[in-house]
């Protein structure tokens, strides 16, 4: 029973880490997009963004390619 509780806590910690990393990456992405739009470029056919957030052995990478605004 103690092992089940420990495994559940580990799983919840992993899920929480993934959620937090995804939120941070989303905030960074939209921040960079807003900076790009604020420069006066209303149409961008080649907007490439790569993000990598490392947390221990976990990493998350979001790629936004060719946004057509």
PDB file of N, CA and C in Angstrom:
ATOM      1  N   UNK A   1       0.825  -1.190   0.000  1.00  0.00           N
ATOM      2  CA  UNK A   1       0.000   0.000   0.000  1.00  0.00           C
ATOM      3  C   UNK A   1       0.873   1.259   0.000  1.00  0.00           C
ATOM      4  N   UNK A   2       1.959   1.222   0.739  1.00  0.00           N
ATOM      5  CA  UNK A   2       2.876   2.358   0.782  1.00  0.00           C
ATOM      6  C   UNK A   2       3.526   2.581  -0.582  1.00  0.00           C
ATOM      7  N   UNK A   3       3.819   1.484  -1.292  1.00  0.00           N
ATOM      8  CA  UNK A   3       4.412   1.591  -2.633  1.00  0.00           C
ATOM      9  C   UNK A   3       3.442   2.235  -3.619  1.00  0.00           C
ATOM     10  N   UNK A   4       2.166   1.894  -3.528  1.00  0.00           N
ATOM     11  CA  UNK A   4       1.155   2.484  -4.401  1.00  0.00           C
ATOM     12  C   UNK A   4       1.057   3.989  -4.172  1.00  0.00           C
ATOM     13  N   UNK A   5       1.102   4.389  -2.926  1.00  0.00           N
ATOM     14  CA  UNK A   5       1.020   5.813  -2.585  1.00  0.00           C
ATOM     15  C   UNK A   5       2.239   6.553  -3.127  1.00  0.00           C
ATOM     16  N   UNK A   6       3.414   5.961  -2.992  1.00  0.00           N
ATOM     17  CA  UNK A   6       4.640   6.572  -3.495  1.00  0.00           C
ATOM     18  C   UNK A   6       4.621   6.680  -5.016  1.00  0.00           C
ATOM     19  N   UNK A   7       4.176   5.621  -5.684  1.00  0.00           N
ATOM     20  CA  UNK A   7       4.086   5.642  -7.149  1.00  0.00           C
ATOM     21  C   UNK A   7       3.095   6.696  -7.618  1.00  0.00           C
ATOM     22  N   UNK A   8       1.987   6.819  -6.921  1.00  0.00           N
ATOM     23  CA  UNK A   8       0.986   7.831  -7.283  1.00  0.00           C
ATOM     24  C   UNK A   8       1.558   9.246  -7.123  1.00  0.00           C
ATOM     25  N   UNK A   9       2.293   9.480  -6.037  1.00  0.00           N
ATOM     26  CA  UNK A   9       2.904  10.792  -5.817  1.00  0.00           C
ATOM     27  C   UNK A   9       3.935  11.103  -6.901  1.00  0.00           C
ATOM     28  N   UNK A  10       4.707  10.109  -7.314  1.00  0.00           N
ATOM     29  CA  UNK A  10       5.679  10.304  -8.388  1.00  0.00           C
ATOM     30  C   UNK A  10       4.976  10.660  -9.695  1.00  0.00           C
ATOM     31  N   UNK A  11       3.895   9.936 -10.017  1.00  0.00           N
ATOM     32  CA  UNK A  11       3.147  10.195 -11.245  1.00  0.00           C
ATOM     33  C   UNK A  11       2.545  11.593 -11.233  1.00  0.00           C
ATOM     34  N   UNK A  12       1.986  12.005 -10.109  1.00  0.00           N
ATOM     35  CA  UNK A  12       1.418  13.351 -10.004  1.00  0.00           C
ATOM     36  C   UNK A  12       2.501  14.417 -10.157  1.00  0.00           C
ATOM     37  N   UNK A  13       3.681  14.158  -9.631  1.00  0.00           N
ATOM     38  CA  UNK A  13       4.786  15.114  -9.772  1.00  0.00           C
ATOM     39  C   UNK A  13       5.201  15.256 -11.231  1.00  0.00           C
ATOM     40  N   UNK A  14       5.250  14.144 -11.967  1.00  0.00           N
ATOM     41  CA  UNK A  14       5.606  14.187 -13.392  1.00  0.00           C
ATOM     42  C   UNK A  14       4.551  14.945 -14.183  1.00  0.00           C
ATOM     43  N   UNK A  15       3.284  14.653 -13.924  1.00  0.00           N
ATOM     44  CA  UNK A  15       2.187  15.346 -14.623  1.00  0.00           C
ATOM     45  C   UNK A  15       2.241  16.839 -14.337  1.00  0.00           C
ATOM     46  N   UNK A  16       2.485  17.216 -13.089  1.00  0.00           N
ATOM     47  CA  UNK A  16       2.580  18.624 -12.711  1.00  0.00           C
ATOM     48  C   UNK A  16       3.738  19.305 -13.429  1.00  0.00           C
ATOM     49  N   UNK A  17       4.886  18.635 -13.504  1.00  0.00           N
ATOM     50  CA  UNK A  17       6.051  19.201 -14.190  1.00  0.00           C
ATOM     51  C   UNK A  17       5.757  19.440 -15.655  1.00  0.00           C
ATOM     52  N   UNK A  18       5.124  18.477 -16.315  1.00  0.00           N
ATOM     53  CA  UNK A  18       4.791  18.622 -17.737  1.00  0.00           C
ATOM     54  C   UNK A  18       3.823  19.789 -17.934  1.00  0.00           C
ATOM     55  N   UNK A  19       2.830  19.907 -17.066  1.00  0.00           N
ATOM     56  CA  UNK A  19       1.863  20.991 -17.167  1.00  0.00           C
ATOM     57  C   UNK A  19       2.537  22.346 -17.024  1.00  0.00           C
ATOM     58  N   UNK A  20       3.403  22.490 -16.021  1.00  0.00           N
ATOM     59  CA  UNK A  20       4.098  23.757 -15.788  1.00  0.00           C
ATOM     60  C   UNK A  20       5.008  24.097 -16.960  1.00  0.00           C
ATOM     61  N   UNK A  21       5.729  23.104 -17.487  1.00  0.00           N
ATOM     62  CA  UNK A  21       6.629  23.343 -18.609  1.00  0.00           C
ATOM     63  C   UNK A  21       5.845  23.775 -19.845  1.00  0.00           C
ATOM     64  N   UNK A  22       4.699  23.158 -20.086  1.00  0.00           N
ATOM     65  CA  UNK A  22       3.864  23.526 -21.232  1.00  0.00           C
ATOM     66  C   UNK A  22       3.357  24.953 -21.105  1.00  0.00           C
ATOM     67  N   UNK A  23       2.947  25.328 -19.914  1.00  0.00           N
ATOM     68  CA  UNK A  23       2.452  26.686 -19.684  1.00  0.00           C
ATOM     69  C   UNK A  23       3.557  27.706 -19.921  1.00  0.00           C
ATOM     70  N   UNK A  24       4.768  27.425 -19.414  1.00  0.00           N
ATOM     71  CA  UNK A  24       5.888  28.349 -19.601  1.00  0.00           C
ATOM     72  C   UNK A  24       6.227  28.499 -21.081  1.00  0.00           C
ATOM     73  N   UNK A  25       6.234  27.395 -21.804  1.00  0.00           N
ATOM     74  CA  UNK A  25       6.551  27.445 -23.230  1.00  0.00           C
ATOM     75  C   UNK A  25       5.492  28.243 -23.989  1.00  0.00           C
ATOM     76  N   UNK A  26       4.225  28.063 -23.640  1.00  0.00           N
ATOM     77  CA  UNK A  26       3.156  28.817 -24.289  1.00  0.00           C
ATOM     78  C   UNK A  26       3.275  30.309 -24.040  1.00  0.00           C
ATOM     79  N   UNK A  27       3.591  30.681 -22.812  1.00  0.00           N
ATOM     80  CA  UNK A  27       3.762  32.097 -22.479  1.00  0.00           C
ATOM     81  C   UNK A  27       4.930  32.685 -23.254  1.00  0.00           C
ATOM     82  N   UNK A  28       6.047  31.956 -23.325  1.00  0.00           N
ATOM     83  CA  UNK A  28       7.207  32.439 -24.072  1.00  0.00           C
ATOM     84  C   UNK A  28       6.877  32.584 -25.550  1.00  0.00           C
ATOM     85  N   UNK A  29       6.179  31.611 -26.121  1.00  0.00           N
ATOM     86  CA  UNK A  29       5.831  31.654 -27.536  1.00  0.00           C
ATOM     87  C   UNK A  29       4.996  32.890 -27.860  1.00  0.00           C
ATOM     88  N   UNK A  30       3.924  33.104 -27.091  1.00  0.00           N
ATOM     89  CA  UNK A  30       3.057  34.240 -27.390  1.00  0.00           C
ATOM     90  C   UNK A  30       3.743  35.569 -27.097  1.00  0.00           C
ATOM     91  N   UNK A  31       4.653  35.583 -26.133  1.00  0.00           N
ATOM     92  CA  UNK A  31       5.438  36.788 -25.882  1.00  0.00           C
ATOM     93  C   UNK A  31       6.315  37.136 -27.076  1.00  0.00           C
ATOM     94  N   UNK A  32       6.983  36.132 -27.648  1.00  0.00           N
ATOM     95  CA  UNK A  32       7.832  36.369 -28.817  1.00  0.00           C
ATOM     96  C   UNK A  32       6.992  36.768 -30.023  1.00  0.00           C
ATOM     97  N   UNK A  33       5.842  36.154 -30.181  1.00  0.00           N
ATOM     98  CA  UNK A  33       4.963  36.509 -31.290  1.00  0.00           C
ATOM     99  C   UNK A  33       4.504  37.959 -31.164  1.00  0.00           C
ATOM    100  N   UNK A  34       4.146  38.375 -29.947  1.00  0.00           N
ATOM    101  CA  UNK A  34       3.714  39.757 -29.735  1.00  0.00           C
ATOM    102  C   UNK A  34       4.846  40.733 -30.027  1.00  0.00           C
ATOM    103  N   UNK A  35       6.076  40.392 -29.611  1.00  0.00           N
ATOM    104  CA  UNK A  35       7.228  41.246 -29.913  1.00  0.00           C
ATOM    105  C   UNK A  35       7.389  41.391 -31.428  1.00  0.00           C
ATOM    106  N   UNK A  36       7.218  40.296 -32.142  1.00  0.00           N
ATOM    107  CA  UNK A  36       7.361  40.309 -33.598  1.00  0.00           C
ATOM    108  C   UNK A  36       6.298  41.207 -34.231  1.00  0.00           C
ATOM    109  N   UNK A  37       5.069  41.095 -33.746  1.00  0.00           N
ATOM    110  CA  UNK A  37       3.984  41.907 -34.301  1.00  0.00           C
ATOM    111  C   UNK A  37       4.145  43.381 -33.943  1.00  0.00           C
ATOM    112  N   UNK A  38       4.719  43.653 -32.769  1.00  0.00           N
ATOM    113  CA  UNK A  38       4.913  45.035 -32.340  1.00  0.00           C
ATOM    114  C   UNK A  38       5.950  45.768 -33.188  1.00  0.00           C
ATOM    115  N   UNK A  39       6.760  45.047 -33.928  1.00  0.00           N
ATOM    116  CA  UNK A  39       7.766  45.693 -34.777  1.00  0.00           C
ATOM    117  C   UNK A  39       7.129  46.266 -36.043  1.00  0.00           C
ATOM    118  N   UNK A  40       5.844  46.047 -36.220  1.00  0.00           N
ATOM    119  CA  UNK A  40       5.154  46.598 -37.378  1.00  0.00           C
ATOM    120  C   UNK A  40       4.954  45.592 -38.499  1.00  0.00           C
ATOM    121  N   UNK A  41       5.447  44.393 -38.307  1.00  0.00           N
ATOM    122  CA  UNK A  41       5.263  43.361 -39.325  1.00  0.00           C
ATOM    123  C   UNK A  41       3.944  42.646 -39.051  1.00  0.00           C
ATOM    124  N   UNK A  42       2.964  42.944 -39.845  1.00  0.00           N
ATOM    125  CA  UNK A  42       1.649  42.342 -39.631  1.00  0.00           C
ATOM    126  C   UNK A  42       1.507  41.005 -40.368  1.00  0.00           C
ATOM    127  N   UNK A  43       2.361  40.744 -41.312  1.00  0.00           N
ATOM    128  CA  UNK A  43       2.299  39.472 -42.021  1.00  0.00           C
ATOM    129  C   UNK A  43       3.679  38.833 -41.959  1.00  0.00           C
ATOM    130  N   UNK A  44       3.753  37.629 -41.473  1.00  0.00           N
ATOM    131  CA  UNK A  44       5.049  36.968 -41.404  1.00  0.00           C
ATOM    132  C   UNK A  44       4.907  35.539 -41.920  1.00  0.00           C
ATOM    133  N   UNK A  45       5.470  35.273 -43.066  1.00  0.00           N
ATOM    134  CA  UNK A  45       5.412  33.939 -43.653  1.00  0.00           C
ATOM    135  C   UNK A  45       6.517  33.033 -43.122  1.00  0.00           C
ATOM    136  N   UNK A  46       7.559  33.616 -42.570  1.00  0.00           N
ATOM    137  CA  UNK A  46       8.686  32.836 -42.068  1.00  0.00           C
ATOM    138  C   UNK A  46       8.967  33.135 -40.612  1.00  0.00           C
ATOM    139  N   UNK A  47       8.028  32.854 -39.773  1.00  0.00           N
ATOM    140  CA  UNK A  47       8.232  33.072 -38.347  1.00  0.00           C
ATOM    141  C   UNK A  47       8.560  31.734 -37.702  1.00  0.00           C
ATOM    142  N   UNK A  48       9.820  31.547 -37.391  1.00  0.00           N
ATOM    143  CA  UNK A  48      10.288  30.274 -36.824  1.00  0.00           C
ATOM    144  C   UNK A  48      10.649  30.506 -35.371  1.00  0.00           C
ATOM    145  N   UNK A  49      10.121  29.669 -34.511  1.00  0.00           N
ATOM    146  CA  UNK A  49      10.422  29.809 -33.094  1.00  0.00           C
ATOM    147  C   UNK A  49      10.686  28.435 -32.504  1.00  0.00           C
ATOM    148  N   UNK A  50      11.771  28.306 -31.798  1.00  0.00           N
ATOM    149  CA  UNK A  50      12.084  27.058 -31.097  1.00  0.00           C
ATOM    150  C   UNK A  50      12.272  27.362 -29.621  1.00  0.00           C
ATOM    151  N   UNK A  51      11.649  26.576 -28.816  1.00  0.00           N
ATOM    152  CA  UNK A  51      11.777  26.738 -27.376  1.00  0.00           C
ATOM    153  C   UNK A  51      12.217  25.421 -26.774  1.00  0.00           C
ATOM    154  N   UNK A  52      13.078  25.508 -25.824  1.00  0.00           N
ATOM    155  CA  UNK A  52      13.470  24.316 -25.083  1.00  0.00           C
ATOM    156  C   UNK A  52      13.538  24.688 -23.610  1.00  0.00           C
ATOM    157  N   UNK A  53      12.779  24.005 -22.836  1.00  0.00           N
ATOM    158  CA  UNK A  53      12.760  24.246 -21.401  1.00  0.00           C
ATOM    159  C   UNK A  53      13.217  22.952 -20.743  1.00  0.00           C
ATOM    160  N   UNK A  54      14.288  23.030 -20.000  1.00  0.00           N
ATOM    161  CA  UNK A  54      14.814  21.844 -19.330  1.00  0.00           C
ATOM    162  C   UNK A  54      14.487  21.872 -17.845  1.00  0.00           C
ATOM    163  N   UNK A  55      14.069  20.759 -17.358  1.00  0.00           N
ATOM    164  CA  UNK A  55      13.819  20.607 -15.926  1.00  0.00           C
ATOM    165  C   UNK A  55      14.323  19.223 -15.546  1.00  0.00           C
ATOM    166  N   UNK A  56      15.526  19.183 -15.019  1.00  0.00           N
ATOM    167  CA  UNK A  56      16.131  17.896 -14.703  1.00  0.00           C
ATOM    168  C   UNK A  56      16.391  17.132 -15.988  1.00  0.00           C
ATOM    169  N   UNK A  57      15.834  15.951 -16.083  1.00  0.00           N
ATOM    170  CA  UNK A  57      16.029  15.151 -17.287  1.00  0.00           C
ATOM    171  C   UNK A  57      14.898  15.352 -18.295  1.00  0.00           C
ATOM    172  N   UNK A  58      13.921  16.213 -17.941  1.00  0.00           N
ATOM    173  CA  UNK A  58      12.790  16.445 -18.834  1.00  0.00           C
ATOM    174  C   UNK A  58      13.058  17.650 -19.724  1.00  0.00           C
ATOM    175  N   UNK A  59      12.646  17.588 -20.965  1.00  0.00           N
ATOM    176  CA  UNK A  59      12.715  18.768 -21.812  1.00  0.00           C
ATOM    177  C   UNK A  59      11.477  18.812 -22.693  1.00  0.00           C
ATOM    178  N   UNK A  60      11.080  20.023 -23.020  1.00  0.00           N
ATOM    179  CA  UNK A  60       9.910  20.238 -23.864  1.00  0.00           C
ATOM    180  C   UNK A  60      10.316  21.177 -24.974  1.00  0.00           C
ATOM    181  N   UNK A  61       9.957  20.844 -26.195  1.00  0.00           N
ATOM    182  CA  UNK A  61      10.297  21.718 -27.306  1.00  0.00           C
ATOM    183  C   UNK A  61       9.041  21.996 -28.124  1.00  0.00           C
ATOM    184  N   UNK A  62       8.766  23.264 -28.287  1.00  0.00           N
ATOM    185  CA  UNK A  62       7.648  23.677 -29.131  1.00  0.00           C
ATOM    186  C   UNK A  62       8.219  24.359 -30.362  1.00  0.00           C
ATOM    187  N   UNK A  63       7.745  24.013 -31.527  1.00  0.00           N
ATOM    188  CA  UNK A  63       8.194  24.655 -32.753  1.00  0.00           C
ATOM    189  C   UNK A  63       6.977  25.246 -33.454  1.00  0.00           C
ATOM    190  N   UNK A  64       7.056  26.509 -33.747  1.00  0.00           N
ATOM    191  CA  UNK A  64       6.005  27.146 -34.532  1.00  0.00           C
ATOM    192  C   UNK A  64       6.613  27.483 -35.884  1.00  0.00           C
ATOM    193  N   UNK A  65       5.997  26.995 -36.942  1.00  0.00           N
ATOM    194  CA  UNK A  65       6.591  27.123 -38.257  1.00  0.00           C
ATOM    195  C   UNK A  65       5.619  27.817 -39.206  1.00  0.00           C
ATOM    196  N   UNK A  66       6.136  28.801 -39.904  1.00  0.00           N
ATOM    197  CA  UNK A  66       5.421  29.472 -40.981  1.00  0.00           C
ATOM    198  C   UNK A  66       4.029  29.928 -40.567  1.00  0.00           C
ATOM    199  N   UNK A  67       3.962  30.800 -39.586  1.00  0.00           N
ATOM    200  CA  UNK A  67       2.677  31.370 -39.204  1.00  0.00           C
ATOM    201  C   UNK A  67       2.256  32.369 -40.276  1.00  0.00           C
ATOM    202  N   UNK A  68       1.040  32.275 -40.691  1.00  0.00           N
ATOM    203  CA  UNK A  68       0.531  33.162 -41.725  1.00  0.00           C
ATOM    204  C   UNK A  68      -0.494  34.090 -41.085  1.00  0.00           C
ATOM    205  N   UNK A  69      -0.034  35.275 -40.699  1.00  0.00           N
ATOM    206  CA  UNK A  69      -0.932  36.214 -39.997  1.00  0.00           C
ATOM    207  C   UNK A  69      -1.428  37.287 -40.932  1.00  0.00           C
TER     208      UNK A  69
END
